[in-house]
Amino acid sequence: MRTLAHATPTYLTSAYQTEIDNLTKRSKISDNAFLHAYKLLAEAPDPYPLLEVAVVRIFYETRNSINRQVVGSNSQSSRSNGTGCRVAAAKG
């Protein structure tokens, strides 16, 4: 095992160069991985039109569901008075 006292300029230079080589290699690998992912995303179609259709569809489905619930609760309330129409409470 080498200690700092045994570190010669040649050893330090060699260790420094090895570290720089390792950093350069890692940088090239990460750059290539990023470039590959970027190319895949660049070739993909724009998702905006599909997302817009999905949002509009969900909006209308939710609105229709709420309307059915409101209509259903109104018809149950109308049936309870037996006349088929809503009757306002008399003010006394």
N, C-alpha and C. Protein backbone atom coordinates (compact mmCIF):
# COMPACT_ATOMS: atom_id res chain seq x y z
N MET A 1 0.84 -1.18 0.00
CA MET A 1 0.00 0.00 0.00
C MET A 1 0.88 1.24 0.00
N ARG A 2 0.56 2.16 -0.87
CA ARG A 2 1.36 3.38 -0.95
C ARG A 2 0.78 4.44 -0.03
N THR A 3 1.64 5.19 0.55
CA THR A 3 1.22 6.32 1.38
C THR A 3 1.58 7.59 0.67
N LEU A 4 1.17 8.70 1.20
CA LEU A 4 1.45 9.98 0.58
C LEU A 4 2.95 10.24 0.51
N ALA A 5 3.70 9.72 1.49
CA ALA A 5 5.15 9.92 1.49
C ALA A 5 5.80 9.19 0.32
N HIS A 6 5.22 8.10 -0.14
CA HIS A 6 5.78 7.33 -1.24
C HIS A 6 5.27 7.78 -2.61
N ALA A 7 4.37 8.75 -2.65
CA ALA A 7 3.79 9.20 -3.92
C ALA A 7 4.82 10.00 -4.69
N THR A 8 5.22 9.47 -5.78
CA THR A 8 6.18 10.17 -6.65
C THR A 8 5.42 10.99 -7.67
N PRO A 9 6.07 11.96 -8.25
CA PRO A 9 5.38 12.75 -9.29
C PRO A 9 4.89 11.90 -10.44
N THR A 10 5.64 10.87 -10.80
CA THR A 10 5.21 9.99 -11.89
C THR A 10 3.96 9.22 -11.50
N TYR A 11 3.92 8.71 -10.28
CA TYR A 11 2.75 7.98 -9.80
C TYR A 11 1.53 8.91 -9.75
N LEU A 12 1.70 10.11 -9.22
CA LEU A 12 0.59 11.06 -9.14
C LEU A 12 0.08 11.43 -10.53
N THR A 13 1.00 11.64 -11.45
CA THR A 13 0.60 11.98 -12.82
C THR A 13 -0.17 10.82 -13.45
N SER A 14 0.32 9.62 -13.22
CA SER A 14 -0.34 8.44 -13.78
C SER A 14 -1.73 8.25 -13.17
N ALA A 15 -1.85 8.43 -11.86
CA ALA A 15 -3.15 8.28 -11.20
C ALA A 15 -4.12 9.37 -11.67
N TYR A 16 -3.61 10.59 -11.82
CA TYR A 16 -4.44 11.70 -12.29
C TYR A 16 -4.92 11.41 -13.71
N GLN A 17 -4.04 10.95 -14.58
CA GLN A 17 -4.42 10.66 -15.96
C GLN A 17 -5.44 9.53 -16.02
N THR A 18 -5.28 8.52 -15.18
CA THR A 18 -6.24 7.42 -15.13
C THR A 18 -7.62 7.93 -14.72
N GLU A 19 -7.65 8.81 -13.72
CA GLU A 19 -8.93 9.37 -13.28
C GLU A 19 -9.57 10.21 -14.39
N ILE A 20 -8.78 11.01 -15.08
CA ILE A 20 -9.30 11.82 -16.19
C ILE A 20 -9.83 10.91 -17.30
N ASP A 21 -9.12 9.83 -17.60
CA ASP A 21 -9.58 8.88 -18.62
C ASP A 21 -10.91 8.25 -18.23
N ASN A 22 -11.04 7.88 -16.95
CA ASN A 22 -12.29 7.28 -16.47
C ASN A 22 -13.45 8.28 -16.55
N LEU A 23 -13.19 9.53 -16.19
CA LEU A 23 -14.24 10.56 -16.29
C LEU A 23 -14.64 10.81 -17.74
N THR A 24 -13.67 10.83 -18.62
CA THR A 24 -13.95 11.03 -20.04
C THR A 24 -14.80 9.89 -20.60
N LYS A 25 -14.44 8.67 -20.23
CA LYS A 25 -15.19 7.50 -20.69
C LYS A 25 -16.64 7.54 -20.18
N ARG A 26 -16.79 7.88 -18.89
CA ARG A 26 -18.14 7.96 -18.31
C ARG A 26 -18.95 9.06 -18.98
N SER A 27 -18.29 10.19 -19.27
CA SER A 27 -18.98 11.30 -19.92
C SER A 27 -19.46 10.90 -21.32
N LYS A 28 -18.63 10.19 -22.07
CA LYS A 28 -19.03 9.76 -23.41
C LYS A 28 -20.20 8.78 -23.36
N ILE A 29 -20.18 7.89 -22.38
CA ILE A 29 -21.28 6.92 -22.24
C ILE A 29 -22.58 7.63 -21.92
N SER A 30 -22.53 8.59 -20.98
CA SER A 30 -23.76 9.29 -20.62
C SER A 30 -24.24 10.18 -21.76
N ASP A 31 -23.33 10.80 -22.48
CA ASP A 31 -23.73 11.62 -23.64
C ASP A 31 -24.41 10.76 -24.71
N ASN A 32 -23.86 9.60 -24.97
CA ASN A 32 -24.47 8.70 -25.97
C ASN A 32 -25.84 8.21 -25.52
N ALA A 33 -25.99 7.91 -24.24
CA ALA A 33 -27.28 7.46 -23.73
C ALA A 33 -28.32 8.59 -23.86
N PHE A 34 -27.93 9.80 -23.52
CA PHE A 34 -28.84 10.94 -23.64
C PHE A 34 -29.23 11.17 -25.10
N LEU A 35 -28.24 11.13 -25.99
CA LEU A 35 -28.51 11.34 -27.41
C LEU A 35 -29.45 10.27 -27.97
N HIS A 36 -29.27 9.04 -27.55
CA HIS A 36 -30.15 7.95 -27.99
C HIS A 36 -31.59 8.20 -27.52
N ALA A 37 -31.75 8.55 -26.25
CA ALA A 37 -33.09 8.83 -25.72
C ALA A 37 -33.71 10.03 -26.42
N TYR A 38 -32.91 11.06 -26.68
CA TYR A 38 -33.42 12.25 -27.36
C TYR A 38 -33.90 11.92 -28.77
N LYS A 39 -33.14 11.10 -29.49
CA LYS A 39 -33.55 10.74 -30.84
C LYS A 39 -34.88 9.97 -30.84
N LEU A 40 -35.05 9.08 -29.86
CA LEU A 40 -36.31 8.34 -29.78
C LEU A 40 -37.47 9.28 -29.51
N LEU A 41 -37.28 10.23 -28.61
CA LEU A 41 -38.36 11.18 -28.30
C LEU A 41 -38.63 12.13 -29.47
N ALA A 42 -37.58 12.51 -30.18
CA ALA A 42 -37.76 13.42 -31.31
C ALA A 42 -38.56 12.77 -32.44
N GLU A 43 -38.44 11.46 -32.57
CA GLU A 43 -39.16 10.75 -33.63
C GLU A 43 -40.60 10.43 -33.24
N ALA A 44 -40.91 10.52 -31.97
CA ALA A 44 -42.26 10.20 -31.50
C ALA A 44 -43.24 11.29 -31.96
N PRO A 45 -44.49 10.91 -32.23
CA PRO A 45 -45.48 11.92 -32.65
C PRO A 45 -45.84 12.84 -31.48
N ASP A 46 -46.34 14.01 -31.83
CA ASP A 46 -46.75 14.99 -30.82
C ASP A 46 -47.97 14.46 -30.07
N PRO A 47 -47.92 14.35 -28.75
CA PRO A 47 -49.05 13.79 -28.01
C PRO A 47 -50.18 14.79 -27.76
N TYR A 48 -49.98 16.06 -28.07
CA TYR A 48 -50.98 17.07 -27.74
C TYR A 48 -52.37 16.78 -28.33
N PRO A 49 -52.51 16.46 -29.61
CA PRO A 49 -53.86 16.21 -30.15
C PRO A 49 -54.58 15.07 -29.43
N LEU A 50 -53.87 13.99 -29.13
CA LEU A 50 -54.52 12.88 -28.43
C LEU A 50 -54.90 13.26 -27.00
N LEU A 51 -54.03 13.99 -26.33
CA LEU A 51 -54.35 14.42 -24.97
C LEU A 51 -55.54 15.37 -24.96
N GLU A 52 -55.61 16.24 -25.95
CA GLU A 52 -56.72 17.18 -26.03
C GLU A 52 -58.05 16.43 -26.21
N VAL A 53 -58.07 15.44 -27.09
CA VAL A 53 -59.28 14.64 -27.30
C VAL A 53 -59.66 13.91 -26.01
N ALA A 54 -58.67 13.37 -25.32
CA ALA A 54 -58.95 12.64 -24.07
C ALA A 54 -59.54 13.56 -23.02
N VAL A 55 -59.01 14.76 -22.89
CA VAL A 55 -59.51 15.70 -21.89
C VAL A 55 -60.94 16.12 -22.22
N VAL A 56 -61.21 16.40 -23.48
CA VAL A 56 -62.56 16.80 -23.89
C VAL A 56 -63.53 15.65 -23.65
N ARG A 57 -63.13 14.45 -23.97
CA ARG A 57 -63.99 13.28 -23.76
C ARG A 57 -64.31 13.08 -22.29
N ILE A 58 -63.30 13.19 -21.44
CA ILE A 58 -63.52 13.04 -19.99
C ILE A 58 -64.44 14.14 -19.48
N PHE A 59 -64.26 15.37 -19.99
CA PHE A 59 -65.12 16.48 -19.58
C PHE A 59 -66.58 16.17 -19.90
N TYR A 60 -66.85 15.76 -21.14
CA TYR A 60 -68.24 15.49 -21.54
C TYR A 60 -68.82 14.28 -20.81
N GLU A 61 -68.02 13.25 -20.60
CA GLU A 61 -68.51 12.08 -19.86
C GLU A 61 -68.85 12.46 -18.42
N THR A 62 -68.02 13.26 -17.80
CA THR A 62 -68.28 13.70 -16.43
C THR A 62 -69.53 14.57 -16.38
N ARG A 63 -69.64 15.49 -17.33
CA ARG A 63 -70.82 16.36 -17.36
C ARG A 63 -72.09 15.55 -17.57
N ASN A 64 -72.06 14.58 -18.48
CA ASN A 64 -73.25 13.76 -18.73
C ASN A 64 -73.59 12.91 -17.51
N SER A 65 -72.58 12.41 -16.83
CA SER A 65 -72.82 11.62 -15.63
C SER A 65 -73.49 12.46 -14.55
N ILE A 66 -73.01 13.67 -14.37
CA ILE A 66 -73.62 14.57 -13.38
C ILE A 66 -75.04 14.92 -13.78
N ASN A 67 -75.28 15.17 -15.07
CA ASN A 67 -76.64 15.48 -15.53
C ASN A 67 -77.58 14.30 -15.28
N ARG A 68 -77.11 13.07 -15.52
CA ARG A 68 -77.95 11.90 -15.25
C ARG A 68 -78.28 11.78 -13.77
N GLN A 69 -77.32 12.09 -12.92
CA GLN A 69 -77.57 12.02 -11.48
C GLN A 69 -78.59 13.07 -11.06
N VAL A 70 -78.47 14.28 -11.61
CA VAL A 70 -79.40 15.35 -11.27
C VAL A 70 -80.79 15.01 -11.77
N VAL A 71 -80.90 14.53 -13.00
CA VAL A 71 -82.20 14.16 -13.56
C VAL A 71 -82.80 13.01 -12.75
N GLY A 72 -81.98 12.05 -12.38
CA GLY A 72 -82.46 10.92 -11.59
C GLY A 72 -82.98 11.35 -10.22
N SER A 73 -82.28 12.26 -9.57
CA SER A 73 -82.73 12.70 -8.25
C SER A 73 -83.98 13.57 -8.36
N ASN A 74 -84.11 14.34 -9.45
CA ASN A 74 -85.33 15.14 -9.67
C ASN A 74 -86.53 14.25 -9.94
N SER A 75 -86.36 13.17 -10.70
CA SER A 75 -87.49 12.31 -11.01
C SER A 75 -87.93 11.54 -9.77
N GLN A 76 -87.01 11.17 -8.91
CA GLN A 76 -87.39 10.50 -7.66
C GLN A 76 -88.16 11.45 -6.77
N SER A 77 -87.74 12.70 -6.72
CA SER A 77 -88.44 13.69 -5.90
C SER A 77 -89.82 13.97 -6.48
N SER A 78 -89.99 13.95 -7.81
CA SER A 78 -91.29 14.19 -8.43
C SER A 78 -92.23 13.04 -8.17
N ARG A 79 -91.73 11.81 -8.16
CA ARG A 79 -92.58 10.65 -7.92
C ARG A 79 -93.12 10.64 -6.49
N SER A 80 -92.37 11.23 -5.60
CA SER A 80 -92.79 11.14 -4.20
C SER A 80 -94.08 11.91 -3.92
N ASN A 81 -94.40 12.96 -4.70
CA ASN A 81 -95.65 13.68 -4.44
C ASN A 81 -96.81 13.11 -5.24
N GLY A 82 -96.54 12.14 -6.15
CA GLY A 82 -97.61 11.44 -6.83
C GLY A 82 -98.18 12.16 -8.02
N THR A 83 -97.78 13.36 -8.33
CA THR A 83 -98.37 14.11 -9.42
C THR A 83 -97.49 14.16 -10.66
N GLY A 84 -96.23 13.77 -10.50
CA GLY A 84 -95.32 13.86 -11.64
C GLY A 84 -94.74 15.23 -11.84
N CYS A 85 -95.12 16.20 -11.00
CA CYS A 85 -94.51 17.52 -11.09
C CYS A 85 -94.15 17.98 -9.69
N ARG A 86 -93.26 18.90 -9.65
CA ARG A 86 -92.77 19.36 -8.35
C ARG A 86 -93.78 20.31 -7.72
N VAL A 87 -93.92 20.17 -6.46
CA VAL A 87 -94.86 21.02 -5.73
C VAL A 87 -94.07 21.86 -4.74
N ALA A 88 -94.26 23.15 -4.77
CA ALA A 88 -93.57 24.05 -3.85
C ALA A 88 -94.30 24.04 -2.52
N ALA A 89 -93.57 24.16 -1.47
CA ALA A 89 -94.17 24.19 -0.14
C ALA A 89 -94.93 25.50 0.03
N ALA A 90 -96.11 25.41 0.64
CA ALA A 90 -96.94 26.59 0.85
C ALA A 90 -96.36 27.43 1.98
N LYS A 91 -96.33 28.71 1.75
CA LYS A 91 -95.85 29.63 2.81
C LYS A 91 -97.02 29.98 3.69
N GLY A 92 -96.78 29.94 4.94
CA GLY A 92 -97.93 30.11 5.79
C GLY A 92 -97.94 31.24 6.63
